[in-house]
Amino acid sequence: MKIALPVDEGKNETGICISFGRAPYFMFYDTETKDSSFLLNSAAESQGGAGIKAAQLLADNKVDVLLTPRCGQNAAEVLQSSNIKIFKTIGASVRENIQDFSAGKLAKLSEIHAGFHNHGGR
């Protein structure tokens, strides 16, 4: 299974970014191989629609699960139509959130906000 997390830096000891669409990087974690990799989020600098573009990036990279603190409605619709499940992170530790997800401790993200639409969201 391929997990994605919005993160602040392209390194393993990074924190989870509060903003999904405008996160500087996405961390991909493979639950089978335990390998992680990073992707520069090209949607972060978009004038508008960063969440939608970021969601499409995850779909294009064949992600199964997104772990994030929050997500906008339009991005959530793209993710859901790509069968990407969205779970709410707890705290800022990437490692702990991956462990909590694997242990079944993270809840599905139920509070999808309307989006920030050109307000930056950070």
PDB file of N, CA and C in Angstrom:
ATOM      1  N   MET A   1       0.842  -1.175   0.000  1.00  0.00           N
ATOM      2  CA  MET A   1       0.000   0.000   0.000  1.00  0.00           C
ATOM      3  C   MET A   1       0.888   1.239   0.000  1.00  0.00           C
ATOM      4  N   LYS A   2       0.492   2.235  -0.787  1.00  0.00           N
ATOM      5  CA  LYS A   2       1.258   3.473  -0.883  1.00  0.00           C
ATOM      6  C   LYS A   2       0.523   4.582  -0.132  1.00  0.00           C
ATOM      7  N   ILE A   3       1.206   5.131   0.871  1.00  0.00           N
ATOM      8  CA  ILE A   3       0.659   6.200   1.706  1.00  0.00           C
ATOM      9  C   ILE A   3       1.332   7.512   1.316  1.00  0.00           C
ATOM     10  N   ALA A   4       0.556   8.599   1.279  1.00  0.00           N
ATOM     11  CA  ALA A   4       1.102   9.933   1.040  1.00  0.00           C
ATOM     12  C   ALA A   4       0.827  10.814   2.250  1.00  0.00           C
ATOM     13  N   LEU A   5       1.784  11.691   2.560  1.00  0.00           N
ATOM     14  CA  LEU A   5       1.630  12.670   3.629  1.00  0.00           C
ATOM     15  C   LEU A   5       2.146  14.014   3.133  1.00  0.00           C
ATOM     16  N   PRO A   6       1.428  15.122   3.396  1.00  0.00           N
ATOM     17  CA  PRO A   6       1.958  16.443   3.058  1.00  0.00           C
ATOM     18  C   PRO A   6       3.009  16.811   4.103  1.00  0.00           C
ATOM     19  N   VAL A   7       4.216  17.160   3.666  1.00  0.00           N
ATOM     20  CA  VAL A   7       5.299  17.422   4.616  1.00  0.00           C
ATOM     21  C   VAL A   7       6.007  18.741   4.308  1.00  0.00           C
ATOM     22  N   ASP A   8       6.722  19.232   5.330  1.00  0.00           N
ATOM     23  CA  ASP A   8       7.410  20.522   5.231  1.00  0.00           C
ATOM     24  C   ASP A   8       8.737  20.451   4.489  1.00  0.00           C
ATOM     25  N   GLU A   9       9.428  19.302   4.580  1.00  0.00           N
ATOM     26  CA  GLU A   9      10.741  19.165   3.958  1.00  0.00           C
ATOM     27  C   GLU A   9      10.868  17.799   3.291  1.00  0.00           C
ATOM     28  N   GLY A  10      11.781  17.706   2.345  1.00  0.00           N
ATOM     29  CA  GLY A  10      12.002  16.458   1.628  1.00  0.00           C
ATOM     30  C   GLY A  10      13.005  15.562   2.317  1.00  0.00           C
ATOM     31  N   LYS A  11      12.775  15.291   3.595  1.00  0.00           N
ATOM     32  CA  LYS A  11      13.660  14.394   4.350  1.00  0.00           C
ATOM     33  C   LYS A  11      12.836  13.633   5.392  1.00  0.00           C
ATOM     34  N   ASN A  12      13.355  12.491   5.836  1.00  0.00           N
ATOM     35  CA  ASN A  12      12.593  11.596   6.708  1.00  0.00           C
ATOM     36  C   ASN A  12      12.192  12.210   8.045  1.00  0.00           C
ATOM     37  N   GLU A  13      13.013  13.065   8.604  1.00  0.00           N
ATOM     38  CA  GLU A  13      12.691  13.657   9.911  1.00  0.00           C
ATOM     39  C   GLU A  13      11.984  14.992   9.754  1.00  0.00           C
ATOM     40  N   THR A  14      11.006  15.048   8.921  1.00  0.00           N
ATOM     41  CA  THR A  14      10.249  16.261   8.667  1.00  0.00           C
ATOM     42  C   THR A  14       8.914  16.211   9.403  1.00  0.00           C
ATOM     43  N   GLY A  15       8.250  17.349   9.464  1.00  0.00           N
ATOM     44  CA  GLY A  15       6.934  17.408  10.086  1.00  0.00           C
ATOM     45  C   GLY A  15       5.838  17.403   9.043  1.00  0.00           C
ATOM     46  N   ILE A  16       4.646  17.057   9.482  1.00  0.00           N
ATOM     47  CA  ILE A  16       3.485  17.079   8.603  1.00  0.00           C
ATOM     48  C   ILE A  16       3.064  18.527   8.399  1.00  0.00           C
ATOM     49  N   CYS A  17       2.827  18.901   7.170  1.00  0.00           N
ATOM     50  CA  CYS A  17       2.419  20.264   6.834  1.00  0.00           C
ATOM     51  C   CYS A  17       0.931  20.433   7.124  1.00  0.00           C
ATOM     52  N   ILE A  18       0.577  21.559   7.703  1.00  0.00           N
ATOM     53  CA  ILE A  18      -0.822  21.843   8.037  1.00  0.00           C
ATOM     54  C   ILE A  18      -1.687  21.998   6.784  1.00  0.00           C
ATOM     55  N   SER A  19      -1.084  22.388   5.679  1.00  0.00           N
ATOM     56  CA  SER A  19      -1.819  22.608   4.439  1.00  0.00           C
ATOM     57  C   SER A  19      -1.589  21.451   3.471  1.00  0.00           C
ATOM     58  N   PHE A  20      -2.657  20.852   2.994  1.00  0.00           N
ATOM     59  CA  PHE A  20      -2.522  19.764   2.022  1.00  0.00           C
ATOM     60  C   PHE A  20      -2.071  20.295   0.662  1.00  0.00           C
ATOM     61  N   GLY A  21      -2.843  21.157   0.055  1.00  0.00           N
ATOM     62  CA  GLY A  21      -2.572  21.615  -1.307  1.00  0.00           C
ATOM     63  C   GLY A  21      -1.315  22.443  -1.459  1.00  0.00           C
ATOM     64  N   ARG A  22      -0.939  23.144  -0.405  1.00  0.00           N
ATOM     65  CA  ARG A  22       0.231  24.024  -0.472  1.00  0.00           C
ATOM     66  C   ARG A  22       1.435  23.471   0.294  1.00  0.00           C
ATOM     67  N   ALA A  23       1.391  22.200   0.633  1.00  0.00           N
ATOM     68  CA  ALA A  23       2.553  21.559   1.276  1.00  0.00           C
ATOM     69  C   ALA A  23       3.732  21.611   0.307  1.00  0.00           C
ATOM     70  N   PRO A  24       4.925  21.910   0.797  1.00  0.00           N
ATOM     71  CA  PRO A  24       6.083  21.960  -0.096  1.00  0.00           C
ATOM     72  C   PRO A  24       6.414  20.610  -0.750  1.00  0.00           C
ATOM     73  N   TYR A  25       6.189  19.523  -0.008  1.00  0.00           N
ATOM     74  CA  TYR A  25       6.524  18.177  -0.501  1.00  0.00           C
ATOM     75  C   TYR A  25       5.441  17.188  -0.108  1.00  0.00           C
ATOM     76  N   PHE A  26       5.433  16.072  -0.804  1.00  0.00           N
ATOM     77  CA  PHE A  26       4.663  14.908  -0.379  1.00  0.00           C
ATOM     78  C   PHE A  26       5.643  13.786  -0.106  1.00  0.00           C
ATOM     79  N   MET A  27       5.445  13.129   1.008  1.00  0.00           N
ATOM     80  CA  MET A  27       6.223  11.937   1.328  1.00  0.00           C
ATOM     81  C   MET A  27       5.375  10.747   0.924  1.00  0.00           C
ATOM     82  N   PHE A  28       5.975   9.801   0.217  1.00  0.00           N
ATOM     83  CA  PHE A  28       5.320   8.551  -0.124  1.00  0.00           C
ATOM     84  C   PHE A  28       5.974   7.458   0.701  1.00  0.00           C
ATOM     85  N   TYR A  29       5.149   6.634   1.320  1.00  0.00           N
ATOM     86  CA  TYR A  29       5.657   5.535   2.140  1.00  0.00           C
ATOM     87  C   TYR A  29       5.003   4.250   1.673  1.00  0.00           C
ATOM     88  N   ASP A  30       5.809   3.254   1.366  1.00  0.00           N
ATOM     89  CA  ASP A  30       5.326   1.951   0.921  1.00  0.00           C
ATOM     90  C   ASP A  30       5.273   1.024   2.130  1.00  0.00           C
ATOM     91  N   THR A  31       4.082   0.561   2.486  1.00  0.00           N
ATOM     92  CA  THR A  31       3.926  -0.271   3.686  1.00  0.00           C
ATOM     93  C   THR A  31       4.542  -1.656   3.526  1.00  0.00           C
ATOM     94  N   GLU A  32       4.726  -2.100   2.297  1.00  0.00           N
ATOM     95  CA  GLU A  32       5.314  -3.427   2.076  1.00  0.00           C
ATOM     96  C   GLU A  32       6.837  -3.393   2.147  1.00  0.00           C
ATOM     97  N   THR A  33       7.441  -2.426   1.465  1.00  0.00           N
ATOM     98  CA  THR A  33       8.909  -2.364   1.426  1.00  0.00           C
ATOM     99  C   THR A  33       9.489  -1.499   2.544  1.00  0.00           C
ATOM    100  N   LYS A  34       8.634  -0.688   3.189  1.00  0.00           N
ATOM    101  CA  LYS A  34       9.041   0.270   4.233  1.00  0.00           C
ATOM    102  C   LYS A  34       9.920   1.388   3.677  1.00  0.00           C
ATOM    103  N   ASP A  35       9.907   1.573   2.367  1.00  0.00           N
ATOM    104  CA  ASP A  35      10.696   2.629   1.722  1.00  0.00           C
ATOM    105  C   ASP A  35       9.886   3.919   1.668  1.00  0.00           C
ATOM    106  N   SER A  36      10.596   5.037   1.754  1.00  0.00           N
ATOM    107  CA  SER A  36       9.940   6.325   1.599  1.00  0.00           C
ATOM    108  C   SER A  36      10.646   7.129   0.516  1.00  0.00           C
ATOM    109  N   SER A  37       9.888   7.985  -0.136  1.00  0.00           N
ATOM    110  CA  SER A  37      10.428   8.877  -1.154  1.00  0.00           C
ATOM    111  C   SER A  37       9.670  10.193  -1.053  1.00  0.00           C
ATOM    112  N   PHE A  38      10.197  11.224  -1.724  1.00  0.00           N
ATOM    113  CA  PHE A  38       9.607  12.556  -1.635  1.00  0.00           C
ATOM    114  C   PHE A  38       9.377  13.120  -3.024  1.00  0.00           C
ATOM    115  N   LEU A  39       8.315  13.898  -3.140  1.00  0.00           N
ATOM    116  CA  LEU A  39       7.968  14.549  -4.397  1.00  0.00           C
ATOM    117  C   LEU A  39       7.734  16.028  -4.105  1.00  0.00           C
ATOM    118  N   LEU A  40       8.413  16.893  -4.840  1.00  0.00           N
ATOM    119  CA  LEU A  40       8.178  18.325  -4.743  1.00  0.00           C
ATOM    120  C   LEU A  40       6.751  18.583  -5.211  1.00  0.00           C
ATOM    121  N   ASN A  41       5.984  19.310  -4.424  1.00  0.00           N
ATOM    122  CA  ASN A  41       4.595  19.579  -4.767  1.00  0.00           C
ATOM    123  C   ASN A  41       4.525  20.749  -5.738  1.00  0.00           C
ATOM    124  N   SER A  42       4.407  20.456  -7.007  1.00  0.00           N
ATOM    125  CA  SER A  42       4.345  21.490  -8.036  1.00  0.00           C
ATOM    126  C   SER A  42       3.072  22.330  -7.943  1.00  0.00           C
ATOM    127  N   ALA A  43       2.066  21.859  -7.228  1.00  0.00           N
ATOM    128  CA  ALA A  43       0.811  22.601  -7.074  1.00  0.00           C
ATOM    129  C   ALA A  43       0.907  23.710  -6.030  1.00  0.00           C
ATOM    130  N   ALA A  44       1.915  23.660  -5.168  1.00  0.00           N
ATOM    131  CA  ALA A  44       2.021  24.590  -4.037  1.00  0.00           C
ATOM    132  C   ALA A  44       2.062  26.050  -4.456  1.00  0.00           C
ATOM    133  N   GLU A  45       2.637  26.343  -5.596  1.00  0.00           N
ATOM    134  CA  GLU A  45       2.780  27.735  -6.039  1.00  0.00           C
ATOM    135  C   GLU A  45       1.670  28.179  -6.983  1.00  0.00           C
ATOM    136  N   SER A  46       0.653  27.358  -7.161  1.00  0.00           N
ATOM    137  CA  SER A  46      -0.448  27.698  -8.062  1.00  0.00           C
ATOM    138  C   SER A  46      -1.216  28.911  -7.557  1.00  0.00           C
ATOM    139  N   GLN A  47      -1.696  29.720  -8.482  1.00  0.00           N
ATOM    140  CA  GLN A  47      -2.518  30.872  -8.113  1.00  0.00           C
ATOM    141  C   GLN A  47      -3.813  30.419  -7.451  1.00  0.00           C
ATOM    142  N   GLY A  48      -4.400  29.380  -7.969  1.00  0.00           N
ATOM    143  CA  GLY A  48      -5.643  28.843  -7.427  1.00  0.00           C
ATOM    144  C   GLY A  48      -5.727  27.359  -7.730  1.00  0.00           C
ATOM    145  N   GLY A  49      -6.587  26.671  -7.015  1.00  0.00           N
ATOM    146  CA  GLY A  49      -6.794  25.250  -7.263  1.00  0.00           C
ATOM    147  C   GLY A  49      -5.646  24.363  -6.840  1.00  0.00           C
ATOM    148  N   ALA A  50      -4.846  24.826  -5.857  1.00  0.00           N
ATOM    149  CA  ALA A  50      -3.686  24.034  -5.419  1.00  0.00           C
ATOM    150  C   ALA A  50      -4.114  22.668  -4.879  1.00  0.00           C
ATOM    151  N   GLY A  51      -5.204  22.627  -4.137  1.00  0.00           N
ATOM    152  CA  GLY A  51      -5.664  21.360  -3.576  1.00  0.00           C
ATOM    153  C   GLY A  51      -6.056  20.360  -4.647  1.00  0.00           C
ATOM    154  N   ILE A  52      -6.763  20.843  -5.657  1.00  0.00           N
ATOM    155  CA  ILE A  52      -7.181  19.970  -6.757  1.00  0.00           C
ATOM    156  C   ILE A  52      -5.957  19.436  -7.499  1.00  0.00           C
ATOM    157  N   LYS A  53      -5.003  20.319  -7.778  1.00  0.00           N
ATOM    158  CA  LYS A  53      -3.791  19.909  -8.495  1.00  0.00           C
ATOM    159  C   LYS A  53      -2.962  18.942  -7.655  1.00  0.00           C
ATOM    160  N   ALA A  54      -2.876  19.191  -6.358  1.00  0.00           N
ATOM    161  CA  ALA A  54      -2.132  18.289  -5.465  1.00  0.00           C
ATOM    162  C   ALA A  54      -2.815  16.922  -5.403  1.00  0.00           C
ATOM    163  N   ALA A  55      -4.138  16.921  -5.342  1.00  0.00           N
ATOM    164  CA  ALA A  55      -4.887  15.658  -5.322  1.00  0.00           C
ATOM    165  C   ALA A  55      -4.641  14.873  -6.601  1.00  0.00           C
ATOM    166  N   GLN A  56      -4.576  15.575  -7.733  1.00  0.00           N
ATOM    167  CA  GLN A  56      -4.314  14.897  -9.003  1.00  0.00           C
ATOM    168  C   GLN A  56      -2.897  14.327  -9.029  1.00  0.00           C
ATOM    169  N   LEU A  57      -1.939  15.044  -8.425  1.00  0.00           N
ATOM    170  CA  LEU A  57      -0.571  14.525  -8.310  1.00  0.00           C
ATOM    171  C   LEU A  57      -0.556  13.186  -7.581  1.00  0.00           C
ATOM    172  N   LEU A  58      -1.323  13.111  -6.493  1.00  0.00           N
ATOM    173  CA  LEU A  58      -1.375  11.861  -5.726  1.00  0.00           C
ATOM    174  C   LEU A  58      -2.035  10.750  -6.539  1.00  0.00           C
ATOM    175  N   ALA A  59      -3.095  11.101  -7.250  1.00  0.00           N
ATOM    176  CA  ALA A  59      -3.756  10.102  -8.102  1.00  0.00           C
ATOM    177  C   ALA A  59      -2.810   9.610  -9.191  1.00  0.00           C
ATOM    178  N   ASP A  60      -2.063  10.531  -9.803  1.00  0.00           N
ATOM    179  CA  ASP A  60      -1.115  10.164 -10.857  1.00  0.00           C
ATOM    180  C   ASP A  60       0.010   9.274 -10.328  1.00  0.00           C
ATOM    181  N   ASN A  61       0.313   9.414  -9.035  1.00  0.00           N
ATOM    182  CA  ASN A  61       1.372   8.609  -8.412  1.00  0.00           C
ATOM    183  C   ASN A  61       0.823   7.348  -7.745  1.00  0.00           C
ATOM    184  N   LYS A  62      -0.432   7.036  -8.039  1.00  0.00           N
ATOM    185  CA  LYS A  62      -1.075   5.791  -7.598  1.00  0.00           C
ATOM    186  C   LYS A  62      -1.024   5.574  -6.088  1.00  0.00           C
ATOM    187  N   VAL A  63      -1.377   6.640  -5.361  1.00  0.00           N
ATOM    188  CA  VAL A  63      -1.442   6.589  -3.903  1.00  0.00           C
ATOM    189  C   VAL A  63      -2.739   5.884  -3.494  1.00  0.00           C
ATOM    190  N   ASP A  64      -2.672   5.107  -2.420  1.00  0.00           N
ATOM    191  CA  ASP A  64      -3.859   4.423  -1.891  1.00  0.00           C
ATOM    192  C   ASP A  64      -4.497   5.185  -0.736  1.00  0.00           C
ATOM    193  N   VAL A  65      -3.652   5.834   0.084  1.00  0.00           N
ATOM    194  CA  VAL A  65      -4.114   6.481   1.316  1.00  0.00           C
ATOM    195  C   VAL A  65      -3.398   7.818   1.482  1.00  0.00           C
ATOM    196  N   LEU A  66      -4.142   8.827   1.928  1.00  0.00           N
ATOM    197  CA  LEU A  66      -3.569  10.123   2.287  1.00  0.00           C
ATOM    198  C   LEU A  66      -3.758  10.323   3.783  1.00  0.00           C
ATOM    199  N   LEU A  67      -2.673  10.676   4.471  1.00  0.00           N
ATOM    200  CA  LEU A  67      -2.731  11.057   5.879  1.00  0.00           C
ATOM    201  C   LEU A  67      -2.497  12.558   5.936  1.00  0.00           C
ATOM    202  N   THR A  68      -3.479  13.320   6.404  1.00  0.00           N
ATOM    203  CA  THR A  68      -3.391  14.784   6.377  1.00  0.00           C
ATOM    204  C   THR A  68      -4.204  15.389   7.516  1.00  0.00           C
ATOM    205  N   PRO A  69      -3.806  16.574   8.006  1.00  0.00           N
ATOM    206  CA  PRO A  69      -4.588  17.202   9.068  1.00  0.00           C
ATOM    207  C   PRO A  69      -5.909  17.771   8.572  1.00  0.00           C
ATOM    208  N   ARG A  70      -5.954  18.185   7.287  1.00  0.00           N
ATOM    209  CA  ARG A  70      -7.191  18.735   6.734  1.00  0.00           C
ATOM    210  C   ARG A  70      -7.149  18.679   5.218  1.00  0.00           C
ATOM    211  N   CYS A  71      -8.339  18.874   4.623  1.00  0.00           N
ATOM    212  CA  CYS A  71      -8.447  18.776   3.164  1.00  0.00           C
ATOM    213  C   CYS A  71      -9.679  19.560   2.727  1.00  0.00           C
ATOM    214  N   GLY A  72      -9.548  20.272   1.611  1.00  0.00           N
ATOM    215  CA  GLY A  72     -10.673  21.016   1.062  1.00  0.00           C
ATOM    216  C   GLY A  72     -11.619  20.132   0.272  1.00  0.00           C
ATOM    217  N   GLN A  73     -12.836  20.629   0.096  1.00  0.00           N
ATOM    218  CA  GLN A  73     -13.900  19.865  -0.572  1.00  0.00           C
ATOM    219  C   GLN A  73     -13.527  19.453  -1.991  1.00  0.00           C
ATOM    220  N   ASN A  74     -13.010  20.384  -2.792  1.00  0.00           N
ATOM    221  CA  ASN A  74     -12.698  20.056  -4.187  1.00  0.00           C
ATOM    222  C   ASN A  74     -11.582  19.024  -4.280  1.00  0.00           C
ATOM    223  N   ALA A  75     -10.551  19.174  -3.444  1.00  0.00           N
ATOM    224  CA  ALA A  75      -9.459  18.191  -3.426  1.00  0.00           C
ATOM    225  C   ALA A  75      -9.978  16.835  -2.968  1.00  0.00           C
ATOM    226  N   ALA A  76     -10.832  16.837  -1.945  1.00  0.00           N
ATOM    227  CA  ALA A  76     -11.385  15.583  -1.428  1.00  0.00           C
ATOM    228  C   ALA A  76     -12.182  14.850  -2.504  1.00  0.00           C
ATOM    229  N   GLU A  77     -12.910  15.593  -3.332  1.00  0.00           N
ATOM    230  CA  GLU A  77     -13.677  14.961  -4.406  1.00  0.00           C
ATOM    231  C   GLU A  77     -12.754  14.284  -5.427  1.00  0.00           C
ATOM    232  N   VAL A  78     -11.634  14.929  -5.762  1.00  0.00           N
ATOM    233  CA  VAL A  78     -10.668  14.327  -6.683  1.00  0.00           C
ATOM    234  C   VAL A  78     -10.070  13.066  -6.062  1.00  0.00           C
ATOM    235  N   LEU A  79      -9.690  13.168  -4.792  1.00  0.00           N
ATOM    236  CA  LEU A  79      -9.101  12.017  -4.094  1.00  0.00           C
ATOM    237  C   LEU A  79     -10.088  10.860  -4.028  1.00  0.00           C
ATOM    238  N   GLN A  80     -11.320  11.154  -3.642  1.00  0.00           N
ATOM    239  CA  GLN A  80     -12.319  10.101  -3.500  1.00  0.00           C
ATOM    240  C   GLN A  80     -12.660   9.461  -4.842  1.00  0.00           C
ATOM    241  N   SER A  81     -12.688  10.268  -5.905  1.00  0.00           N
ATOM    242  CA  SER A  81     -12.988   9.695  -7.231  1.00  0.00           C
ATOM    243  C   SER A  81     -11.830   8.827  -7.725  1.00  0.00           C
ATOM    244  N   SER A  82     -10.646   9.011  -7.137  1.00  0.00           N
ATOM    245  CA  SER A  82      -9.479   8.178  -7.472  1.00  0.00           C
ATOM    246  C   SER A  82      -9.299   7.034  -6.474  1.00  0.00           C
ATOM    247  N   ASN A  83     -10.312   6.829  -5.626  1.00  0.00           N
ATOM    248  CA  ASN A  83     -10.306   5.772  -4.613  1.00  0.00           C
ATOM    249  C   ASN A  83      -9.162   5.904  -3.607  1.00  0.00           C
ATOM    250  N   ILE A  84      -8.771   7.140  -3.321  1.00  0.00           N
ATOM    251  CA  ILE A  84      -7.756   7.405  -2.296  1.00  0.00           C
ATOM    252  C   ILE A  84      -8.482   7.686  -0.993  1.00  0.00           C
ATOM    253  N   LYS A  85      -8.180   6.887   0.014  1.00  0.00           N
ATOM    254  CA  LYS A  85      -8.815   7.054   1.325  1.00  0.00           C
ATOM    255  C   LYS A  85      -8.068   8.138   2.100  1.00  0.00           C
ATOM    256  N   ILE A  86      -8.818   8.977   2.833  1.00  0.00           N
ATOM    257  CA  ILE A  86      -8.235  10.107   3.556  1.00  0.00           C
ATOM    258  C   ILE A  86      -8.395   9.880   5.062  1.00  0.00           C
ATOM    259  N   PHE A  87      -7.268   9.920   5.772  1.00  0.00           N
ATOM    260  CA  PHE A  87      -7.265   9.757   7.225  1.00  0.00           C
ATOM    261  C   PHE A  87      -6.670  10.992   7.882  1.00  0.00           C
ATOM    262  N   LYS A  88      -7.178  11.324   9.068  1.00  0.00           N
ATOM    263  CA  LYS A  88      -6.738  12.515   9.802  1.00  0.00           C
ATOM    264  C   LYS A  88      -5.498  12.199  10.633  1.00  0.00           C
ATOM    265  N   THR A  89      -4.470  13.024  10.459  1.00  0.00           N
ATOM    266  CA  THR A  89      -3.247  12.866  11.231  1.00  0.00           C
ATOM    267  C   THR A  89      -3.468  13.315  12.672  1.00  0.00           C
ATOM    268  N   ILE A  90      -2.616  12.803  13.547  1.00  0.00           N
ATOM    269  CA  ILE A  90      -2.608  13.200  14.955  1.00  0.00           C
ATOM    270  C   ILE A  90      -1.203  13.705  15.248  1.00  0.00           C
ATOM    271  N   GLY A  91      -1.057  14.975  15.581  1.00  0.00           N
ATOM    272  CA  GLY A  91       0.268  15.514  15.858  1.00  0.00           C
ATOM    273  C   GLY A  91       1.054  15.739  14.580  1.00  0.00           C
ATOM    274  N   ALA A  92       2.338  16.084  14.741  1.00  0.00           N
ATOM    275  CA  ALA A  92       3.149  16.488  13.600  1.00  0.00           C
ATOM    276  C   ALA A  92       4.193  15.460  13.176  1.00  0.00           C
ATOM    277  N   SER A  93       4.295  14.330  13.869  1.00  0.00           N
ATOM    278  CA  SER A  93       5.330  13.354  13.552  1.00  0.00           C
ATOM    279  C   SER A  93       4.912  12.427  12.414  1.00  0.00           C
ATOM    280  N   VAL A  94       5.717  12.429  11.348  1.00  0.00           N
ATOM    281  CA  VAL A  94       5.456  11.550  10.209  1.00  0.00           C
ATOM    282  C   VAL A  94       5.507  10.097  10.657  1.00  0.00           C
ATOM    283  N   ARG A  95       6.574   9.747  11.352  1.00  0.00           N
ATOM    284  CA  ARG A  95       6.775   8.360  11.789  1.00  0.00           C
ATOM    285  C   ARG A  95       5.614   7.872  12.664  1.00  0.00           C
ATOM    286  N   GLU A  96       5.199   8.680  13.645  1.00  0.00           N
ATOM    287  CA  GLU A  96       4.106   8.261  14.534  1.00  0.00           C
ATOM    288  C   GLU A  96       2.790   8.110  13.780  1.00  0.00           C
ATOM    289  N   ASN A  97       2.527   8.992  12.815  1.00  0.00           N
ATOM    290  CA  ASN A  97       1.287   8.878  12.050  1.00  0.00           C
ATOM    291  C   ASN A  97       1.268   7.631  11.182  1.00  0.00           C
ATOM    292  N   ILE A  98       2.406   7.278  10.599  1.00  0.00           N
ATOM    293  CA  ILE A  98       2.474   6.034   9.817  1.00  0.00           C
ATOM    294  C   ILE A  98       2.251   4.836  10.729  1.00  0.00           C
ATOM    295  N   GLN A  99       2.880   4.850  11.900  1.00  0.00           N
ATOM    296  CA  GLN A  99       2.694   3.751  12.857  1.00  0.00           C
ATOM    297  C   GLN A  99       1.245   3.684  13.336  1.00  0.00           C
ATOM    298  N   ASP A 100       0.658   4.848  13.642  1.00  0.00           N
ATOM    299  CA  ASP A 100      -0.736   4.868  14.102  1.00  0.00           C
ATOM    300  C   ASP A 100      -1.688   4.391  13.009  1.00  0.00           C
ATOM    301  N   PHE A 101      -1.433   4.773  11.764  1.00  0.00           N
ATOM    302  CA  PHE A 101      -2.272   4.297  10.667  1.00  0.00           C
ATOM    303  C   PHE A 101      -2.167   2.782  10.541  1.00  0.00           C
ATOM    304  N   SER A 102      -0.941   2.275  10.567  1.00  0.00           N
ATOM    305  CA  SER A 102      -0.723   0.828  10.437  1.00  0.00           C
ATOM    306  C   SER A 102      -1.385   0.049  11.563  1.00  0.00           C
ATOM    307  N   ALA A 103      -1.488   0.675  12.750  1.00  0.00           N
ATOM    308  CA  ALA A 103      -2.114   0.032  13.903  1.00  0.00           C
ATOM    309  C   ALA A 103      -3.629   0.269  13.948  1.00  0.00           C
ATOM    310  N   GLY A 104      -4.159   0.971  12.951  1.00  0.00           N
ATOM    311  CA  GLY A 104      -5.600   1.227  12.906  1.00  0.00           C
ATOM    312  C   GLY A 104      -6.066   2.291  13.870  1.00  0.00           C
ATOM    313  N   LYS A 105      -5.176   3.178  14.281  1.00  0.00           N
ATOM    314  CA  LYS A 105      -5.512   4.203  15.280  1.00  0.00           C
ATOM    315  C   LYS A 105      -5.959   5.539  14.680  1.00  0.00           C
ATOM    316  N   LEU A 106      -5.798   5.726  13.379  1.00  0.00           N
ATOM    317  CA  LEU A 106      -6.215   6.989  12.768  1.00  0.00           C
ATOM    318  C   LEU A 106      -7.637   6.864  12.228  1.00  0.00           C
ATOM    319  N   ALA A 107      -8.410   7.926  12.437  1.00  0.00           N
ATOM    320  CA  ALA A 107      -9.793   7.949  11.945  1.00  0.00           C
ATOM    321  C   ALA A 107      -9.833   8.531  10.536  1.00  0.00           C
ATOM    322  N   LYS A 108     -10.849   8.151   9.783  1.00  0.00           N
ATOM    323  CA  LYS A 108     -11.045   8.766   8.471  1.00  0.00           C
ATOM    324  C   LYS A 108     -11.317  10.256   8.693  1.00  0.00           C
ATOM    325  N   LEU A 109     -10.811  11.085   7.784  1.00  0.00           N
ATOM    326  CA  LEU A 109     -11.023  12.525   7.874  1.00  0.00           C
ATOM    327  C   LEU A 109     -12.480  12.800   7.538  1.00  0.00           C
ATOM    328  N   SER A 110     -13.222  13.305   8.512  1.00  0.00           N
ATOM    329  CA  SER A 110     -14.646  13.536   8.307  1.00  0.00           C
ATOM    330  C   SER A 110     -14.971  15.018   8.146  1.00  0.00           C
ATOM    331  N   GLU A 111     -14.083  15.889   8.585  1.00  0.00           N
ATOM    332  CA  GLU A 111     -14.315  17.335   8.487  1.00  0.00           C
ATOM    333  C   GLU A 111     -13.620  17.876   7.244  1.00  0.00           C
ATOM    334  N   ILE A 112     -14.337  17.875   6.138  1.00  0.00           N
ATOM    335  CA  ILE A 112     -13.812  18.403   4.878  1.00  0.00           C
ATOM    336  C   ILE A 112     -14.276  19.853   4.800  1.00  0.00           C
ATOM    337  N   HIS A 113     -13.324  20.790   4.715  1.00  0.00           N
ATOM    338  CA  HIS A 113     -13.714  22.207   4.691  1.00  0.00           C
ATOM    339  C   HIS A 113     -13.991  22.676   3.266  1.00  0.00           C
ATOM    340  N   ALA A 114     -14.590  23.838   3.164  1.00  0.00           N
ATOM    341  CA  ALA A 114     -15.000  24.369   1.859  1.00  0.00           C
ATOM    342  C   ALA A 114     -13.822  24.760   0.978  1.00  0.00           C
ATOM    343  N   GLY A 115     -12.649  24.919   1.566  1.00  0.00           N
ATOM    344  CA  GLY A 115     -11.473  25.342   0.797  1.00  0.00           C
ATOM    345  C   GLY A 115     -11.168  26.799   1.086  1.00  0.00           C
ATOM    346  N   PHE A 116      -9.955  27.203   0.775  1.00  0.00           N
ATOM    347  CA  PHE A 116      -9.539  28.576   1.077  1.00  0.00           C
ATOM    348  C   PHE A 116      -9.591  29.475  -0.142  1.00  0.00           C
ATOM    349  N   HIS A 117      -9.643  28.905  -1.335  1.00  0.00           N
ATOM    350  CA  HIS A 117      -9.836  29.650  -2.578  1.00  0.00           C
ATOM    351  C   HIS A 117      -9.108  30.988  -2.627  1.00  0.00           C
ATOM    352  N   ASN A 118      -7.837  30.909  -2.987  1.00  0.00           N
ATOM    353  CA  ASN A 118      -6.966  32.068  -3.178  1.00  0.00           C
ATOM    354  C   ASN A 118      -6.599  32.797  -1.897  1.00  0.00           C
ATOM    355  N   HIS A 119      -6.752  32.136  -0.770  1.00  0.00           N
ATOM    356  CA  HIS A 119      -6.355  32.749   0.507  1.00  0.00           C
ATOM    357  C   HIS A 119      -5.096  32.117   1.064  1.00  0.00           C
ATOM    358  N   GLY A 120      -4.503  31.226   0.353  1.00  0.00           N
ATOM    359  CA  GLY A 120      -3.242  30.622   0.795  1.00  0.00           C
ATOM    360  C   GLY A 120      -3.401  29.450   1.721  1.00  0.00           C
ATOM    361  N   GLY A 121      -4.311  29.500   2.668  1.00  0.00           N
ATOM    362  CA  GLY A 121      -4.605  28.377   3.536  1.00  0.00           C
ATOM    363  C   GLY A 121      -3.546  28.037   4.566  1.00  0.00           C
ATOM    364  N   ARG A 122      -2.498  28.798   4.684  1.00  0.00           N
ATOM    365  CA  ARG A 122      -1.447  28.454   5.642  1.00  0.00           C
ATOM    366  C   ARG A 122      -1.431  29.392   6.793  1.00  0.00           C
TER     367      ARG A 122
END
